Amino acid sequence: MRSEQQTEPEKTGPSNSETASGSPARRWWLVLLVVVVLAVVLISGILPRIQARSTLKKETAEMAIPTVSVVHPQHTAPSQEVVLPASVQAYMDSPIYARTNGYLKSWNADIGAHVKAGQLLAEIDAPEVNQQLRQSLADLATAEANVHLAQITADRYAGLLKTDSVSKQDADNAESDFTAKKTVVQSSQANVKRQEDLQSFEKIYAPFDGVITARNTDVGALIDSGSSGGARTELFHIAQPDRLRVYVNVPEAYSQAAKPGLMADLTLSEFPGRPFPGKLVRTAGSIDPASRTLLVEIAVNNPTGELFTGAYAEVHLKLPSPQASLILPVDTLMFRAEGLRVVVVNNGQAELRQITIGHDFGSQVEVVAGLTGDESVVSNPPDSIESGEKVRVAQSGGAGQ
């Protein structure tokens, strides 16, 4: 029975070899489970960081691309209009001076008076001139009396010479004296005419139809003609306002297009929205070296006298252009060491393109070479931008914006 009791537990309980072989397998499974768990934990923690870093890198690269706004070149017509400051002057404008000395006796026209050619404006009292005229007339009368006596003597001697009553020499002397006396008469007549002319200058007449714009004297004022070396006295100033001369200094860049016959409009602040038509009638034919401009004259009719002489005005010159050009804002220009450039966006990349400008309009410039007109030009480009650099277009402005 002992033997049976001793052998039964050996059959029912696990053996030492089974226990030894089962424990390491479980440990390996546990280790593997721990490794898997750790790997899952590590992957779940690192992978989002890797994805976030990749996203950040991508976003940084996207943000590094500059965002630019673009404009499109504006096409201009073959003709262009240039606005220039101008000075309005009367077609005829003249100061009126005295030609004789004296005191102003009277005046008949004040400022703003419309006068006709030949109308009496003023009269000067010049007693010295009147006295000199009377003296000249007396001298002429004396000379005429002397020549009359010399003629009688010469005729008498000529008759006596035929009968040999006088010598040939006496007859010749009488004839010569008559000739000399005639010359004295002619001299006296010329002196009288001169004095009469001086006396006629006592009356001041209007030289042409116009308006008196200034009266610089009054009754009793001493008039100096300047003949004695003193300062001349301007009595009146007269202007003819029915036709105006408008002088404009055209920049040298437009000088070849400013030809006689061009039409122009004159605008003044006193008449908003109302242009006055004019015509370019002549040019100076040379460039002023001081201002580099060409002086041109524009004729403007002013039959009602609405426009005042001396007024400031603006002239709109319609200048012809040989071909249509492009206009760009000045904020698109880049001044580089290699020359003037603009930045053109082409397939999302920047391209620095060389251009040639024509006229400068202040806020805009004329482009005569380098662009076709279909480009998208960057407005206010950054100084660091280079050709081939990627750019992002924020918005597309209108033409010429």
Protein backbone atom coordinates (compact mmCIF):
# COMPACT_ATOMS: atom_id res chain seq x y z
CA MET A 1 0.00 0.00 0.00
CA ARG A 2 2.85 2.37 0.63
CA SER A 3 4.15 1.79 -2.74
CA GLU A 4 0.82 2.68 -4.26
CA GLN A 5 0.49 5.73 -2.09
CA GLN A 6 3.93 6.86 -3.02
CA THR A 7 3.43 6.42 -6.75
CA GLU A 8 0.03 8.13 -7.01
CA PRO A 9 1.26 11.65 -6.37
CA GLU A 10 3.85 11.25 -9.07
CA LYS A 11 1.10 10.52 -11.55
CA THR A 12 -1.24 13.32 -10.51
CA GLY A 13 1.24 16.30 -9.91
CA PRO A 14 3.40 18.09 -12.58
CA SER A 15 6.88 16.95 -13.12
CA ASN A 16 9.99 19.13 -12.65
CA SER A 17 10.79 19.05 -16.34
CA GLU A 18 7.37 20.41 -17.31
CA THR A 19 7.65 23.25 -14.80
CA ALA A 20 11.11 24.16 -15.99
CA SER A 21 10.06 24.17 -19.64
CA GLY A 22 6.79 26.27 -19.13
CA SER A 23 8.20 29.25 -17.17
CA PRO A 24 10.70 30.55 -19.85
CA ALA A 25 8.03 30.56 -22.57
CA ARG A 26 5.81 32.69 -20.46
CA ARG A 27 8.68 35.05 -19.75
CA TRP A 28 9.45 35.44 -23.45
CA TRP A 29 5.88 36.19 -24.19
CA LEU A 30 5.85 38.76 -21.46
CA VAL A 31 9.03 40.36 -22.77
CA LEU A 32 7.66 40.41 -26.28
CA LEU A 33 4.44 41.95 -25.02
CA VAL A 34 6.38 44.63 -23.17
CA VAL A 35 8.47 45.39 -26.25
CA VAL A 36 5.40 45.64 -28.41
CA VAL A 37 3.73 47.93 -25.91
CA LEU A 38 6.83 50.11 -25.69
CA ALA A 39 7.12 50.23 -29.49
CA VAL A 40 3.48 51.23 -29.77
CA VAL A 41 3.99 53.91 -27.15
CA LEU A 42 7.12 55.20 -28.84
CA ILE A 43 5.57 55.16 -32.29
CA SER A 44 2.39 56.86 -31.05
CA GLY A 45 4.51 59.61 -29.46
CA ILE A 46 7.17 60.11 -32.15
CA LEU A 47 5.05 59.78 -35.28
CA PRO A 48 2.86 62.87 -34.54
CA ARG A 49 6.02 64.82 -33.83
CA ILE A 50 7.50 63.73 -37.13
CA GLN A 51 4.29 64.63 -38.90
CA ALA A 52 4.12 67.98 -37.10
CA ARG A 53 7.73 68.72 -37.99
CA SER A 54 7.07 67.84 -41.62
CA THR A 55 3.96 70.02 -41.64
CA LEU A 56 5.85 72.88 -39.98
CA LYS A 57 8.64 72.58 -42.51
CA LYS A 58 6.15 72.62 -45.35
CA GLU A 59 4.28 75.59 -43.89
CA THR A 60 7.55 77.42 -43.34
CA ALA A 61 8.51 76.83 -46.95
CA GLU A 62 5.09 78.05 -48.05
CA MET A 63 5.34 81.14 -45.87
CA ALA A 64 8.80 81.87 -47.25
CA ILE A 65 7.26 82.42 -50.69
CA PRO A 66 6.64 86.18 -50.95
CA THR A 67 3.09 87.32 -51.65
CA VAL A 68 2.95 90.06 -54.27
CA SER A 69 0.27 92.14 -55.94
CA VAL A 70 0.42 92.66 -59.68
CA VAL A 71 -0.75 95.27 -62.16
CA HIS A 72 -1.17 95.11 -65.90
CA PRO A 73 0.35 97.67 -68.30
CA GLN A 74 -2.12 100.19 -69.65
CA HIS A 75 -2.24 100.67 -73.40
CA THR A 76 -2.31 104.26 -74.62
CA ALA A 77 -3.69 105.65 -77.84
CA PRO A 78 -1.34 106.84 -80.61
CA SER A 79 -2.10 110.43 -79.54
CA GLN A 80 -1.45 111.75 -76.07
CA GLU A 81 -2.47 114.81 -74.09
CA VAL A 82 0.04 116.86 -72.16
CA VAL A 83 -1.08 119.42 -69.57
CA LEU A 84 1.29 122.35 -69.10
CA PRO A 85 1.10 125.67 -67.22
CA ALA A 86 0.73 128.76 -69.37
CA SER A 87 0.61 132.53 -69.22
CA VAL A 88 -2.18 134.41 -70.99
CA GLN A 89 -1.20 137.61 -72.77
CA ALA A 90 -3.02 140.00 -75.05
CA TYR A 91 -2.34 139.70 -78.74
CA MET A 92 -1.20 143.34 -78.70
CA ASP A 93 0.05 144.90 -75.48
CA SER A 94 1.89 148.19 -75.32
CA PRO A 95 2.94 150.90 -72.85
CA ILE A 96 2.26 154.47 -73.97
CA TYR A 97 4.95 157.10 -73.33
CA ALA A 98 5.16 160.82 -74.07
CA ARG A 99 7.47 162.13 -76.80
CA THR A 100 7.70 165.63 -75.39
CA ASN A 101 8.30 167.20 -71.98
CA GLY A 102 5.69 169.21 -70.13
CA TYR A 103 2.79 168.99 -67.69
CA LEU A 104 -0.26 166.82 -68.17
CA LYS A 105 -3.09 169.10 -69.15
CA SER A 106 -5.89 166.51 -69.26
CA TRP A 107 -6.62 162.79 -69.66
CA ASN A 108 -9.68 161.20 -71.28
CA ALA A 109 -9.47 157.44 -70.54
CA ASP A 110 -9.16 155.58 -67.27
CA ILE A 111 -8.47 151.90 -66.53
CA GLY A 112 -10.98 149.51 -68.08
CA ALA A 113 -11.97 151.97 -70.78
CA HIS A 114 -12.44 150.50 -74.26
CA VAL A 115 -10.81 152.84 -76.75
CA LYS A 116 -10.53 152.95 -80.52
CA ALA A 117 -7.42 153.49 -82.59
CA GLY A 118 -6.68 157.22 -82.88
CA GLN A 119 -8.81 158.18 -79.88
CA LEU A 120 -7.38 161.05 -77.79
CA LEU A 121 -6.16 159.75 -74.45
CA ALA A 122 -4.40 162.76 -72.92
CA GLU A 123 -2.95 166.18 -73.71
CA ILE A 124 0.33 167.68 -72.49
CA ASP A 125 1.00 171.36 -71.99
CA ALA A 126 4.51 172.06 -73.35
CA PRO A 127 5.08 175.87 -73.54
CA GLU A 128 8.75 175.45 -74.44
CA VAL A 129 7.83 173.47 -77.53
CA ASN A 130 5.24 176.04 -78.54
CA GLN A 131 7.77 178.84 -78.12
CA GLN A 132 10.37 176.98 -80.16
CA LEU A 133 7.79 176.50 -82.92
CA ARG A 134 7.02 180.19 -83.00
CA GLN A 135 10.76 180.97 -83.16
CA SER A 136 11.19 178.50 -86.00
CA LEU A 137 8.32 180.10 -87.92
CA ALA A 138 9.94 183.52 -87.48
CA ASP A 139 13.28 182.17 -88.70
CA LEU A 140 11.53 180.69 -91.72
CA ALA A 141 9.88 184.01 -92.52
CA THR A 142 13.27 185.76 -92.31
CA ALA A 143 14.86 183.18 -94.57
CA GLU A 144 12.07 183.47 -97.09
CA ALA A 145 12.45 187.27 -97.15
CA ASN A 146 16.19 186.96 -97.66
CA VAL A 147 15.77 184.48 -100.48
CA HIS A 148 13.24 186.75 -102.14
CA LEU A 149 15.72 189.65 -102.04
CA ALA A 150 18.53 187.40 -103.24
CA GLN A 151 16.41 186.28 -106.19
CA ILE A 152 15.65 189.87 -107.21
CA THR A 153 19.34 190.75 -106.99
CA ALA A 154 20.39 187.70 -108.98
CA ASP A 155 17.83 188.45 -111.72
CA ARG A 156 18.92 192.11 -111.87
CA TYR A 157 22.60 191.20 -112.18
CA ALA A 158 21.77 188.70 -114.89
CA GLY A 159 20.06 191.46 -116.91
CA LEU A 160 22.92 193.93 -116.40
CA LEU A 161 25.44 191.30 -117.45
CA LYS A 162 23.86 191.19 -120.91
CA THR A 163 24.73 194.89 -121.43
CA ASP A 164 28.12 194.49 -119.76
CA SER A 165 27.03 196.89 -117.04
CA VAL A 166 28.38 194.52 -114.32
CA SER A 167 31.20 192.10 -114.27
CA LYS A 168 30.74 188.37 -114.65
CA GLN A 169 32.03 187.93 -111.11
CA ASP A 170 29.34 190.16 -109.61
CA ALA A 171 26.64 188.25 -111.45
CA ASP A 172 28.00 184.91 -110.23
CA ASN A 173 28.16 186.19 -106.64
CA ALA A 174 24.53 187.24 -106.78
CA GLU A 175 23.46 183.83 -108.16
CA SER A 176 25.42 182.00 -105.48
CA ASP A 177 23.90 184.14 -102.76
CA PHE A 178 20.42 183.32 -104.08
CA THR A 179 21.19 179.60 -104.05
CA ALA A 180 22.52 179.77 -100.49
CA LYS A 181 19.47 181.67 -99.30
CA LYS A 182 17.22 179.01 -100.82
CA THR A 183 19.10 176.36 -98.80
CA VAL A 184 18.56 178.38 -95.63
CA VAL A 185 14.84 178.45 -96.38
CA GLN A 186 14.77 174.68 -96.77
CA SER A 187 16.62 174.28 -93.47
CA SER A 188 14.15 176.60 -91.76
CA GLN A 189 11.23 174.66 -93.21
CA ALA A 190 12.66 171.40 -91.88
CA ASN A 191 13.12 172.95 -88.45
CA VAL A 192 9.52 174.16 -88.46
CA LYS A 193 8.34 170.67 -89.43
CA ARG A 194 10.33 169.18 -86.56
CA GLN A 195 8.84 171.63 -84.10
CA GLU A 196 5.36 170.94 -85.43
CA ASP A 197 5.94 167.22 -84.90
CA LEU A 198 7.06 167.88 -81.35
CA GLN A 199 3.98 169.97 -80.80
CA SER A 200 1.80 167.18 -82.17
CA PHE A 201 3.26 164.89 -79.50
CA GLU A 202 1.47 167.00 -76.92
CA LYS A 203 -1.62 164.95 -77.74
CA ILE A 204 -1.54 161.22 -76.87
CA TYR A 205 -3.63 158.94 -79.07
CA ALA A 206 -4.52 155.24 -78.80
CA PRO A 207 -2.35 153.23 -81.20
CA PHE A 208 -4.95 150.46 -81.67
CA ASP A 209 -8.34 149.28 -80.45
CA GLY A 210 -8.05 147.94 -76.92
CA VAL A 211 -8.59 148.34 -73.21
CA ILE A 212 -6.69 150.71 -70.94
CA THR A 213 -5.16 148.46 -68.27
CA ALA A 214 -3.16 151.14 -66.43
CA ARG A 215 -3.11 154.92 -66.01
CA ASN A 216 0.06 156.13 -64.32
CA THR A 217 -0.38 159.91 -64.40
CA ASP A 218 -2.79 162.65 -63.50
CA VAL A 219 -3.48 166.29 -64.31
CA GLY A 220 -0.53 168.52 -63.40
CA ALA A 221 2.04 165.73 -63.32
CA LEU A 222 5.43 166.50 -64.84
CA ILE A 223 5.95 164.44 -67.98
CA ASP A 224 9.48 163.41 -68.93
CA SER A 225 9.97 161.90 -72.38
CA GLY A 226 13.48 160.73 -71.49
CA SER A 227 15.08 162.80 -74.24
CA SER A 228 17.17 164.67 -71.68
CA GLY A 229 18.47 161.51 -70.00
CA GLY A 230 15.83 161.22 -67.28
CA ALA A 231 13.50 158.33 -66.55
CA ARG A 232 10.65 158.05 -69.02
CA THR A 233 7.11 158.39 -67.73
CA GLU A 234 4.65 155.67 -68.79
CA LEU A 235 1.31 157.40 -69.13
CA PHE A 236 -0.97 154.50 -70.05
CA HIS A 237 -0.88 150.79 -70.75
CA ILE A 238 -3.17 149.42 -73.43
CA ALA A 239 -3.98 145.83 -74.38
CA GLN A 240 -6.03 144.24 -77.14
CA PRO A 241 -7.88 141.34 -75.44
CA ASP A 242 -10.12 140.10 -78.27
CA ARG A 243 -7.35 137.74 -79.28
CA LEU A 244 -4.88 136.20 -76.87
CA ARG A 245 -1.37 134.86 -77.07
CA VAL A 246 -0.76 131.93 -74.74
CA TYR A 247 2.90 131.10 -74.23
CA VAL A 248 3.80 127.58 -73.12
CA ASN A 249 7.17 126.03 -72.32
CA VAL A 250 7.01 122.52 -73.79
CA PRO A 251 9.54 120.01 -72.35
CA GLU A 252 12.26 118.90 -74.73
CA ALA A 253 10.85 115.36 -74.81
CA TYR A 254 7.73 116.67 -76.58
CA SER A 255 9.42 119.34 -78.69
CA GLN A 256 9.45 117.32 -81.92
CA ALA A 257 5.70 116.66 -81.67
CA ALA A 258 4.79 120.30 -80.96
CA LYS A 259 4.21 121.55 -84.49
CA PRO A 260 2.20 124.56 -85.72
CA GLY A 261 -1.38 123.61 -86.47
CA LEU A 262 -1.96 121.43 -83.41
CA MET A 263 -5.15 122.04 -81.49
CA ALA A 264 -5.08 122.84 -77.78
CA ASP A 265 -7.58 123.54 -75.03
CA LEU A 266 -7.15 126.30 -72.47
CA THR A 267 -8.62 125.76 -69.00
CA LEU A 268 -8.80 128.22 -66.11
CA SER A 269 -9.90 127.78 -62.52
CA GLU A 270 -12.42 130.60 -63.00
CA PHE A 271 -14.27 128.50 -65.60
CA PRO A 272 -14.37 124.91 -64.27
CA GLY A 273 -15.29 122.34 -66.88
CA ARG A 274 -15.21 124.88 -69.71
CA PRO A 275 -12.31 124.57 -72.16
CA PHE A 276 -11.41 127.39 -74.53
CA PRO A 277 -10.17 126.11 -77.90
CA GLY A 278 -6.88 127.35 -79.29
CA LYS A 279 -4.35 126.58 -81.97
CA LEU A 280 -0.58 126.33 -81.89
CA VAL A 281 0.56 128.98 -84.35
CA ARG A 282 4.36 129.19 -83.93
CA THR A 283 7.34 127.93 -81.95
CA ALA A 284 10.64 129.48 -80.98
CA GLY A 285 12.48 126.89 -83.07
CA SER A 286 15.16 126.34 -80.42
CA ILE A 287 15.50 124.74 -77.00
CA ASP A 288 16.15 127.04 -74.07
CA PRO A 289 19.41 125.71 -72.52
CA ALA A 290 18.42 126.97 -69.07
CA SER A 291 15.07 125.16 -68.81
CA ARG A 292 15.42 122.61 -71.66
CA THR A 293 12.04 123.63 -73.00
CA LEU A 294 10.61 124.85 -76.30
CA LEU A 295 8.61 128.07 -76.20
CA VAL A 296 5.41 127.80 -78.25
CA GLU A 297 2.62 130.29 -78.88
CA ILE A 298 -1.05 129.34 -78.91
CA ALA A 299 -3.67 131.70 -80.32
CA VAL A 300 -7.02 131.81 -78.51
CA ASN A 301 -9.97 133.91 -79.65
CA ASN A 302 -11.57 136.01 -76.90
CA PRO A 303 -14.27 138.07 -78.64
CA THR A 304 -16.28 138.75 -75.48
CA GLY A 305 -13.26 139.55 -73.33
CA GLU A 306 -14.10 136.90 -70.75
CA LEU A 307 -10.47 135.86 -70.40
CA PHE A 308 -8.25 138.42 -68.73
CA THR A 309 -4.70 139.05 -69.86
CA GLY A 310 -2.03 137.99 -67.40
CA ALA A 311 -4.15 135.10 -66.09
CA TYR A 312 -2.68 131.72 -65.16
CA ALA A 313 -4.04 128.84 -67.19
CA GLU A 314 -3.40 125.23 -68.12
CA VAL A 315 -2.97 124.16 -71.73
CA HIS A 316 -4.02 120.68 -72.82
CA LEU A 317 -1.83 119.90 -75.83
CA LYS A 318 -2.96 117.01 -77.99
CA LEU A 319 0.38 115.71 -79.23
CA PRO A 320 0.57 112.95 -81.84
CA SER A 321 2.53 109.81 -80.98
CA PRO A 322 4.20 107.60 -83.62
CA GLN A 323 2.85 104.43 -82.01
CA ALA A 324 0.84 103.20 -79.04
CA SER A 325 2.84 102.79 -75.85
CA LEU A 326 2.41 101.26 -72.40
CA ILE A 327 1.90 103.02 -69.10
CA LEU A 328 3.06 101.67 -65.73
CA PRO A 329 2.88 103.10 -62.20
CA VAL A 330 6.23 104.30 -60.89
CA ASP A 331 6.02 101.93 -57.90
CA THR A 332 6.68 98.99 -60.24
CA LEU A 333 10.17 100.21 -61.14
CA MET A 334 13.34 98.74 -59.64
CA PHE A 335 16.60 100.63 -59.89
CA ARG A 336 19.40 98.09 -59.98
CA ALA A 337 23.10 98.48 -60.65
CA GLU A 338 22.61 96.82 -64.02
CA GLY A 339 19.83 99.22 -64.99
CA LEU A 340 16.10 99.81 -64.72
CA ARG A 341 14.05 96.65 -64.15
CA VAL A 342 10.49 95.48 -63.46
CA VAL A 343 9.43 92.14 -61.96
CA VAL A 344 7.10 90.03 -64.12
CA VAL A 345 5.27 86.99 -62.71
CA ASN A 346 5.59 84.02 -65.07
CA ASN A 347 4.17 80.61 -64.04
CA GLY A 348 4.46 81.45 -60.35
CA GLN A 349 8.07 82.61 -60.66
CA ALA A 350 9.54 86.09 -60.65
CA GLU A 351 11.38 87.35 -63.72
CA LEU A 352 13.40 90.56 -63.69
CA ARG A 353 12.96 92.24 -67.06
CA GLN A 354 14.80 95.24 -68.44
CA ILE A 355 12.64 98.08 -69.78
CA THR A 356 13.16 101.43 -71.47
CA ILE A 357 10.98 104.33 -70.39
CA GLY A 358 9.91 107.31 -72.48
CA HIS A 359 8.00 110.16 -70.88
CA ASP A 360 7.67 110.61 -67.14
CA PHE A 361 4.14 111.62 -66.12
CA GLY A 362 4.88 111.87 -62.40
CA SER A 363 2.96 108.96 -60.88
CA GLN A 364 3.21 106.98 -64.13
CA VAL A 365 5.85 106.37 -66.77
CA GLU A 366 5.70 105.48 -70.43
CA VAL A 367 7.35 102.18 -71.36
CA VAL A 368 8.65 102.12 -74.92
CA ALA A 369 10.58 98.80 -74.86
CA GLY A 370 10.79 95.63 -72.81
CA LEU A 371 7.10 94.73 -72.40
CA THR A 372 4.39 93.45 -74.71
CA GLY A 373 1.43 94.55 -72.58
CA ASP A 374 0.20 91.10 -71.53
CA GLU A 375 2.48 90.72 -68.51
CA SER A 376 1.59 90.76 -64.82
CA VAL A 377 3.98 93.27 -63.29
CA VAL A 378 4.69 93.21 -59.56
CA SER A 379 3.73 96.36 -57.69
CA ASN A 380 6.17 97.51 -54.97
CA PRO A 381 8.55 94.55 -55.47
CA PRO A 382 10.89 93.72 -52.56
CA ASP A 383 14.50 94.72 -53.09
CA SER A 384 15.75 91.17 -52.42
CA ILE A 385 13.68 89.50 -55.13
CA GLU A 386 15.61 87.64 -57.84
CA SER A 387 14.77 85.97 -61.14
CA GLY A 388 13.47 82.40 -60.72
CA GLU A 389 12.21 83.00 -57.19
CA LYS A 390 8.77 81.60 -56.48
CA VAL A 391 6.09 84.17 -55.73
CA ARG A 392 2.44 84.06 -54.80
CA VAL A 393 0.01 86.50 -56.44
CA ALA A 394 -2.28 88.00 -53.82
CA GLN A 395 -4.53 89.90 -56.18
CA SER A 396 -4.63 91.15 -59.71
CA GLY A 397 -5.19 94.90 -59.99
CA GLY A 398 -6.95 96.66 -62.79
CA ALA A 399 -5.23 98.13 -65.78
CA GLY A 400 -2.53 100.52 -64.74
CA GLN A 401 -3.23 100.06 -61.01
